[in-house]
Amino acid sequence: MSKINSYLLIAGLSVVALACSTQAADNKGDSPAQSNKLPVDVKVVKYTALNQEESVAGSLLANREVEITSELLKKVEAVHFSDGSYVATGQKLYSLEQGDIRARLRQSEAELALAKLNESRLYNLLKNESVRQEEYDIALTKVQSLEATKEQLEVELSKTTIVAPFSGIAGISKVQIGSLVSPGTPLVKLQEQGRIKVQFTVSEKYVSNLKNGKAIFFTVSGNENRIPAVISATESGLDAQSRTITVHAVTSNQNGALKPGMSARVFFSISAQNAKGLGLPTESLIPGGNGYNVFVVKNGIAKMTPVTVGNRNEAEALITSGLNDGDTVMISNILRSGDGTPVQIVSSK
């Protein structure tokens, strides 16, 4: 019995040793398979509504601006505003000398009164056929001529008082009391600043995105807060050399913080209505001859897929077609991968 027990013990130990050897061999076989899979990070993409926007440089303009000038050769008798002050519509700005005009007007009025008396007398005589029709016609023409002269002098007199055509900020007066001004001489600049314009130019490819009434936003130097404005006008055509079009947008400026001449950065949407897309890190893109590709991971295999990039910056690209909602896209180890490479997902975003 002792020999039989010894044989059984030896046989048992041999079976155990053989099993351990087989398991070790199996473990060694698994390790190379795992090491052949490329570790990658991925992102599961979800389509969302697109709000792509473009930005361009712009400038602020007064909503209305005019250079106040004289229409007469006269001396300035009075300046009725302070430099840089607010003036209302119709407010008096300058008074020019008017003594000679008033004198000529009084003379004209006296001549007109006399001419009317003469015309009235001849009219009564004409009814009795005491004078010829020709004599009366000359008297009537004289009255009409003097009336026209009087009206002309009254218009000239009105031009000696220069008023504000609209409400706004009057700049620095270029003339003072006693200055001799001639027709066309600039006196002061008047700007309406209750509302202000943003002027900017855009490429022809964005013309369809900028219609009257569309909202845009802009910022100014020293203030990064976006200010809303509404497009009020576009130029009738494109500049033939630059292929750009000029656009005006208007916004309120009741607090006077915005000044004409300030630089602006204008932002406007270029997304089509109801457009959808998804964001991917730019490092996930693979440039190709016909555009861009990405690696989509399916069943542990990287598959190269062409995509359409709507817009991109240094960090992120917007994909508008080529992927499906829920696709798993590689975002690391791109250069070490190829179409059909087995991959192991390390992390998912």
Protein backbone atom coordinates (compact mmCIF):
# COMPACT_ATOMS: atom_id res chain seq x y z
CA MET A 1 0.00 0.00 0.00
CA SER A 2 2.89 2.33 0.71
CA LYS A 3 4.16 2.08 -2.88
CA ILE A 4 0.70 2.67 -4.33
CA ASN A 5 0.24 5.80 -2.20
CA SER A 6 3.60 7.11 -3.36
CA TYR A 7 2.64 6.60 -7.01
CA LEU A 8 -0.66 8.42 -6.51
CA LEU A 9 1.04 11.35 -4.82
CA ILE A 10 3.58 11.68 -7.64
CA ALA A 11 0.82 11.52 -10.27
CA GLY A 12 -1.18 14.21 -8.49
CA LEU A 13 1.77 16.53 -8.30
CA SER A 14 2.44 16.03 -12.00
CA VAL A 15 -1.15 16.98 -12.91
CA VAL A 16 -0.94 20.13 -10.78
CA ALA A 17 2.39 21.08 -12.34
CA LEU A 18 1.02 20.51 -15.82
CA ALA A 19 -2.04 22.71 -15.10
CA CYS A 20 0.11 25.54 -13.77
CA SER A 21 2.36 25.31 -16.81
CA THR A 22 -0.64 25.49 -19.15
CA GLN A 23 -2.12 28.54 -17.33
CA ALA A 24 1.23 30.34 -17.44
CA ALA A 25 1.43 29.66 -21.16
CA ASP A 26 -2.08 31.06 -21.63
CA ASN A 27 -1.22 34.22 -19.67
CA LYS A 28 1.83 34.75 -21.82
CA GLY A 29 -0.37 34.48 -24.91
CA ASP A 30 -2.79 37.23 -23.69
CA SER A 31 -0.17 39.85 -22.95
CA PRO A 32 1.05 40.45 -26.56
CA ALA A 33 -2.54 40.85 -27.79
CA GLN A 34 -3.26 43.57 -25.24
CA SER A 35 -0.01 45.38 -25.93
CA ASN A 36 -0.84 45.57 -29.68
CA LYS A 37 -3.86 47.84 -29.01
CA LEU A 38 -3.11 51.58 -29.21
CA PRO A 39 -4.25 53.46 -26.07
CA VAL A 40 -6.36 56.46 -27.07
CA ASP A 41 -8.59 59.15 -25.64
CA VAL A 42 -11.95 59.67 -27.34
CA LYS A 43 -14.89 62.03 -27.42
CA VAL A 44 -18.49 60.98 -27.90
CA VAL A 45 -19.98 63.64 -30.16
CA LYS A 46 -23.44 65.17 -29.85
CA TYR A 47 -24.94 67.51 -32.44
CA THR A 48 -26.12 70.86 -31.09
CA ALA A 49 -27.53 74.03 -32.65
CA LEU A 50 -24.77 76.01 -34.36
CA ASN A 51 -24.04 79.62 -33.56
CA GLN A 52 -20.98 80.33 -35.67
CA GLU A 53 -19.90 83.93 -35.70
CA GLU A 54 -17.38 86.06 -37.49
CA SER A 55 -15.67 89.20 -36.22
CA VAL A 56 -14.33 92.19 -38.16
CA ALA A 57 -12.93 95.60 -37.34
CA GLY A 58 -15.25 98.61 -37.43
CA SER A 59 -15.56 102.28 -36.49
CA LEU A 60 -18.16 104.36 -34.70
CA LEU A 61 -19.84 107.21 -36.58
CA ALA A 62 -22.29 109.86 -35.52
CA ASN A 63 -25.82 108.90 -36.54
CA ARG A 64 -26.03 112.32 -38.24
CA GLU A 65 -23.22 114.80 -38.75
CA VAL A 66 -23.08 118.16 -40.49
CA GLU A 67 -20.57 120.97 -40.91
CA ILE A 68 -22.40 124.21 -40.15
CA THR A 69 -21.42 126.86 -42.71
CA SER A 70 -22.32 130.44 -43.63
CA GLU A 71 -24.29 131.30 -46.76
CA LEU A 72 -23.37 134.99 -46.67
CA LEU A 73 -20.30 137.21 -46.70
CA LYS A 74 -20.77 138.78 -43.25
CA LYS A 75 -19.12 139.40 -39.91
CA VAL A 76 -20.04 137.26 -36.90
CA GLU A 77 -21.95 139.36 -34.36
CA ALA A 78 -22.60 136.71 -31.72
CA VAL A 79 -21.89 133.03 -30.83
CA HIS A 80 -24.80 131.57 -28.87
CA PHE A 81 -23.39 128.24 -27.63
CA SER A 82 -20.47 126.89 -25.62
CA ASP A 83 -17.93 124.66 -27.32
CA GLY A 84 -18.78 120.98 -26.88
CA SER A 85 -22.27 121.66 -25.51
CA TYR A 86 -25.58 120.01 -26.35
CA VAL A 87 -27.86 122.05 -28.62
CA ALA A 88 -31.51 121.42 -29.49
CA THR A 89 -33.16 121.50 -32.90
CA GLY A 90 -33.69 125.13 -33.98
CA GLN A 91 -31.42 126.56 -31.28
CA LYS A 92 -29.56 129.70 -32.38
CA LEU A 93 -25.84 129.10 -32.97
CA TYR A 94 -24.53 132.27 -34.67
CA SER A 95 -25.78 135.75 -35.50
CA LEU A 96 -24.28 137.58 -38.48
CA GLU A 97 -24.41 141.34 -39.09
CA GLN A 98 -27.71 142.34 -40.70
CA GLY A 99 -27.87 146.15 -40.61
CA ASP A 100 -27.38 146.65 -44.35
CA ILE A 101 -29.98 143.99 -45.17
CA ARG A 102 -32.55 145.60 -42.89
CA ALA A 103 -31.91 149.00 -44.51
CA ARG A 104 -32.45 147.61 -47.99
CA LEU A 105 -35.55 145.83 -46.76
CA ARG A 106 -37.05 149.06 -45.40
CA GLN A 107 -36.32 150.78 -48.70
CA SER A 108 -37.96 147.96 -50.59
CA GLU A 109 -41.04 148.08 -48.36
CA ALA A 110 -41.41 151.87 -48.96
CA GLU A 111 -41.10 151.44 -52.72
CA LEU A 112 -43.57 148.61 -52.62
CA ALA A 113 -46.13 150.69 -50.69
CA LEU A 114 -45.87 153.47 -53.25
CA ALA A 115 -46.14 151.05 -56.14
CA LYS A 116 -49.28 149.52 -54.67
CA LEU A 117 -50.92 152.95 -54.37
CA ASN A 118 -50.10 153.68 -57.99
CA GLU A 119 -51.41 150.32 -59.13
CA SER A 120 -54.65 150.81 -57.20
CA ARG A 121 -55.18 154.31 -58.71
CA LEU A 122 -54.58 153.10 -62.25
CA TYR A 123 -56.89 150.17 -61.71
CA ASN A 124 -59.78 152.52 -60.85
CA LEU A 125 -58.98 154.68 -63.88
CA LEU A 126 -58.81 151.61 -66.09
CA LYS A 127 -62.38 150.72 -65.17
CA ASN A 128 -63.47 154.15 -66.46
CA GLU A 129 -61.22 153.72 -69.49
CA SER A 130 -59.30 156.83 -68.47
CA VAL A 131 -55.92 155.03 -68.90
CA ARG A 132 -54.66 152.46 -71.30
CA GLN A 133 -54.31 148.78 -70.31
CA GLU A 134 -50.57 149.03 -70.99
CA GLU A 135 -50.11 151.69 -68.30
CA TYR A 136 -51.90 149.58 -65.73
CA ASP A 137 -49.90 146.44 -66.66
CA ILE A 138 -46.64 148.34 -66.09
CA ALA A 139 -47.80 149.43 -62.62
CA LEU A 140 -48.89 145.89 -61.70
CA THR A 141 -45.56 144.45 -62.86
CA LYS A 142 -43.73 147.00 -60.73
CA VAL A 143 -45.67 145.84 -57.65
CA GLN A 144 -44.89 142.19 -58.35
CA SER A 145 -41.19 142.94 -58.89
CA LEU A 146 -40.92 144.85 -55.61
CA GLU A 147 -42.73 142.04 -53.75
CA ALA A 148 -40.17 139.56 -55.10
CA THR A 149 -37.33 141.86 -54.00
CA LYS A 150 -38.83 142.10 -50.53
CA GLU A 151 -39.11 138.29 -50.27
CA GLN A 152 -35.49 137.91 -51.39
CA LEU A 153 -34.29 140.36 -48.74
CA GLU A 154 -36.35 138.58 -46.07
CA VAL A 155 -34.70 135.25 -47.02
CA GLU A 156 -31.27 136.89 -46.92
CA LEU A 157 -32.09 138.35 -43.50
CA SER A 158 -33.10 134.93 -42.18
CA LYS A 159 -29.70 133.56 -43.20
CA THR A 160 -27.97 135.93 -40.77
CA THR A 161 -29.32 133.75 -37.95
CA ILE A 162 -27.76 130.26 -38.10
CA VAL A 163 -29.60 127.56 -36.12
CA ALA A 164 -29.05 123.87 -35.35
CA PRO A 165 -30.78 121.63 -37.95
CA PHE A 166 -31.07 118.80 -35.40
CA SER A 167 -30.26 118.10 -31.76
CA GLY A 168 -26.72 117.04 -30.97
CA ILE A 169 -23.30 117.98 -29.67
CA ALA A 170 -21.73 121.12 -31.10
CA GLY A 171 -17.97 120.88 -31.44
CA ILE A 172 -15.39 123.65 -31.09
CA SER A 173 -16.31 126.83 -32.94
CA LYS A 174 -13.91 127.72 -35.72
CA VAL A 175 -14.88 131.44 -35.69
CA GLN A 176 -15.39 134.07 -33.02
CA ILE A 177 -17.21 137.41 -32.73
CA GLY A 178 -15.85 139.78 -35.36
CA SER A 179 -14.70 137.04 -37.74
CA LEU A 180 -15.51 137.69 -41.40
CA VAL A 181 -17.10 134.60 -42.93
CA SER A 182 -17.91 133.88 -46.56
CA PRO A 183 -20.29 131.40 -48.18
CA GLY A 184 -19.11 127.86 -47.41
CA THR A 185 -16.87 128.84 -44.50
CA PRO A 186 -16.99 126.01 -41.87
CA LEU A 187 -18.22 127.37 -38.55
CA VAL A 188 -18.68 124.31 -36.31
CA LYS A 189 -19.36 120.59 -36.58
CA LEU A 190 -22.65 119.24 -35.20
CA GLN A 191 -23.11 115.55 -34.36
CA GLU A 192 -26.22 113.68 -33.28
CA GLN A 193 -25.02 111.28 -30.57
CA GLY A 194 -28.26 110.05 -28.98
CA ARG A 195 -27.90 107.19 -31.41
CA ILE A 196 -24.65 106.08 -32.98
CA LYS A 197 -23.65 104.10 -36.06
CA VAL A 198 -21.20 101.23 -36.33
CA GLN A 199 -19.57 101.06 -39.76
CA PHE A 200 -17.75 97.93 -40.94
CA THR A 201 -16.95 96.09 -44.15
CA VAL A 202 -17.35 92.37 -44.82
CA SER A 203 -16.32 89.96 -47.54
CA GLU A 204 -18.79 89.16 -50.32
CA LYS A 205 -19.33 85.65 -48.93
CA TYR A 206 -21.11 87.13 -45.89
CA VAL A 207 -23.45 89.45 -47.81
CA SER A 208 -26.40 87.07 -47.43
CA ASN A 209 -25.86 86.96 -43.64
CA LEU A 210 -26.22 90.72 -43.15
CA LYS A 211 -29.71 92.00 -43.92
CA ASN A 212 -31.42 95.14 -42.65
CA GLY A 213 -32.92 94.53 -39.22
CA LYS A 214 -30.48 91.77 -38.23
CA ALA A 215 -28.88 92.05 -34.79
CA ILE A 216 -25.12 92.27 -34.40
CA PHE A 217 -22.85 92.96 -31.42
CA PHE A 218 -19.72 95.04 -30.99
CA THR A 219 -17.13 95.95 -28.38
CA VAL A 220 -14.99 99.07 -28.05
CA SER A 221 -11.51 99.63 -26.69
CA GLY A 222 -11.44 99.45 -22.90
CA ASN A 223 -14.84 97.76 -22.65
CA GLU A 224 -15.20 94.07 -23.49
CA ASN A 225 -18.95 94.03 -22.83
CA ARG A 226 -20.85 93.30 -26.03
CA ILE A 227 -23.17 96.10 -27.13
CA PRO A 228 -26.16 95.19 -29.32
CA ALA A 229 -26.90 97.04 -32.57
CA VAL A 230 -29.27 96.56 -35.51
CA ILE A 231 -28.21 96.71 -39.15
CA SER A 232 -29.80 99.79 -40.72
CA ALA A 233 -28.25 99.92 -44.18
CA THR A 234 -25.78 98.29 -46.56
CA GLU A 235 -24.00 99.83 -49.51
CA SER A 236 -25.81 99.38 -52.83
CA GLY A 237 -22.97 97.31 -54.27
CA LEU A 238 -19.60 95.73 -53.54
CA ASP A 239 -16.28 97.46 -53.96
CA ALA A 240 -14.93 96.11 -57.25
CA GLN A 241 -11.33 95.96 -56.03
CA SER A 242 -11.65 94.55 -52.49
CA ARG A 243 -14.88 92.57 -53.08
CA THR A 244 -16.26 93.89 -49.81
CA ILE A 245 -19.45 95.70 -48.86
CA THR A 246 -19.93 98.46 -46.30
CA VAL A 247 -22.53 97.94 -43.57
CA HIS A 248 -24.07 100.36 -41.03
CA ALA A 249 -25.69 99.31 -37.76
CA VAL A 250 -27.36 101.62 -35.24
CA THR A 251 -27.51 101.50 -31.45
CA SER A 252 -28.65 103.76 -28.61
CA ASN A 253 -26.11 106.06 -26.97
CA GLN A 254 -28.21 107.88 -24.39
CA ASN A 255 -25.41 107.95 -21.80
CA GLY A 256 -22.93 109.39 -24.32
CA ALA A 257 -20.27 106.77 -23.55
CA LEU A 258 -19.77 105.96 -27.23
CA LYS A 259 -17.94 108.60 -29.25
CA PRO A 260 -17.71 108.91 -33.04
CA GLY A 261 -14.30 107.83 -34.27
CA MET A 262 -13.82 105.06 -31.68
CA SER A 263 -12.60 101.70 -33.00
CA ALA A 264 -14.87 98.69 -32.63
CA ARG A 265 -14.78 94.91 -32.98
CA VAL A 266 -17.98 93.71 -34.63
CA PHE A 267 -19.44 90.20 -34.16
CA PHE A 268 -22.15 88.70 -36.35
CA SER A 269 -23.63 85.23 -36.83
CA ILE A 270 -22.86 83.31 -40.02
CA SER A 271 -24.84 80.15 -39.16
CA ALA A 272 -27.78 79.18 -41.33
CA GLN A 273 -31.17 79.00 -39.62
CA ASN A 274 -31.62 75.71 -37.70
CA ALA A 275 -28.05 74.66 -38.59
CA LYS A 276 -26.49 71.95 -36.43
CA GLY A 277 -22.92 70.88 -35.80
CA LEU A 278 -20.53 69.53 -33.21
CA GLY A 279 -17.27 70.60 -31.69
CA LEU A 280 -14.04 68.63 -31.78
CA PRO A 281 -10.54 69.52 -30.59
CA THR A 282 -8.45 70.66 -33.56
CA GLU A 283 -5.85 67.98 -32.79
CA SER A 284 -8.38 65.31 -33.80
CA LEU A 285 -8.41 66.58 -37.41
CA ILE A 286 -6.31 64.88 -40.09
CA PRO A 287 -5.61 67.08 -43.13
CA GLY A 288 -6.13 65.36 -46.47
CA GLY A 289 -6.09 66.18 -50.16
CA ASN A 290 -9.85 66.75 -50.20
CA GLY A 291 -10.30 68.29 -46.77
CA TYR A 292 -10.20 66.80 -43.28
CA ASN A 293 -10.67 63.35 -41.76
CA VAL A 294 -11.08 61.97 -38.25
CA PHE A 295 -10.75 58.53 -36.69
CA VAL A 296 -14.06 57.05 -35.56
CA VAL A 297 -13.71 54.13 -33.13
CA LYS A 298 -16.07 51.18 -33.76
CA ASN A 299 -15.67 47.80 -32.04
CA GLY A 300 -12.13 48.66 -30.97
CA ILE A 301 -11.01 49.60 -34.50
CA ALA A 302 -10.07 53.10 -35.72
CA LYS A 303 -11.80 53.95 -38.99
CA MET A 304 -10.78 57.03 -40.99
CA THR A 305 -13.85 59.16 -41.81
CA PRO A 306 -14.02 62.33 -43.98
CA VAL A 307 -15.73 65.33 -42.35
CA THR A 308 -16.74 68.88 -43.29
CA VAL A 309 -15.34 71.68 -41.12
CA GLY A 310 -17.66 74.69 -40.90
CA ASN A 311 -15.36 76.89 -38.87
CA ARG A 312 -12.36 76.52 -36.60
CA ASN A 313 -10.02 78.33 -34.28
CA GLU A 314 -6.82 77.30 -32.51
CA ALA A 315 -8.61 75.08 -29.99
CA GLU A 316 -11.81 73.78 -31.57
CA ALA A 317 -13.30 72.93 -34.95
CA LEU A 318 -17.01 72.87 -35.81
CA ILE A 319 -18.02 69.81 -37.82
CA THR A 320 -21.10 70.26 -39.99
CA SER A 321 -21.24 66.86 -41.74
CA GLY A 322 -19.55 63.45 -41.89
CA LEU A 323 -20.35 62.24 -38.35
CA ASN A 324 -23.44 60.81 -36.71
CA ASP A 325 -24.85 61.73 -33.34
CA GLY A 326 -23.14 59.53 -30.72
CA ASP A 327 -20.04 58.63 -32.77
CA THR A 328 -16.85 57.99 -30.80
CA VAL A 329 -13.98 60.06 -32.19
CA MET A 330 -10.29 59.71 -31.33
CA ILE A 331 -8.71 62.84 -29.91
CA SER A 332 -5.22 61.50 -29.02
CA ASN A 333 -2.47 59.35 -30.57
CA ILE A 334 -3.68 60.42 -34.00
CA LEU A 335 -0.22 60.30 -35.62
CA ARG A 336 0.41 56.75 -34.37
CA SER A 337 -2.85 55.43 -35.76
CA GLY A 338 -4.03 54.39 -39.20
CA ASP A 339 -7.20 53.17 -40.85
CA GLY A 340 -8.03 49.83 -39.19
CA THR A 341 -5.69 50.18 -36.20
CA PRO A 342 -6.90 48.28 -33.08
CA VAL A 343 -7.28 50.74 -30.21
CA GLN A 344 -7.89 50.61 -26.48
CA ILE A 345 -10.02 53.46 -25.07
CA VAL A 346 -8.27 54.96 -22.05
CA SER A 347 -10.63 57.85 -21.36
CA SER A 348 -13.81 59.25 -22.86
CA LYS A 349 -15.02 62.86 -22.85
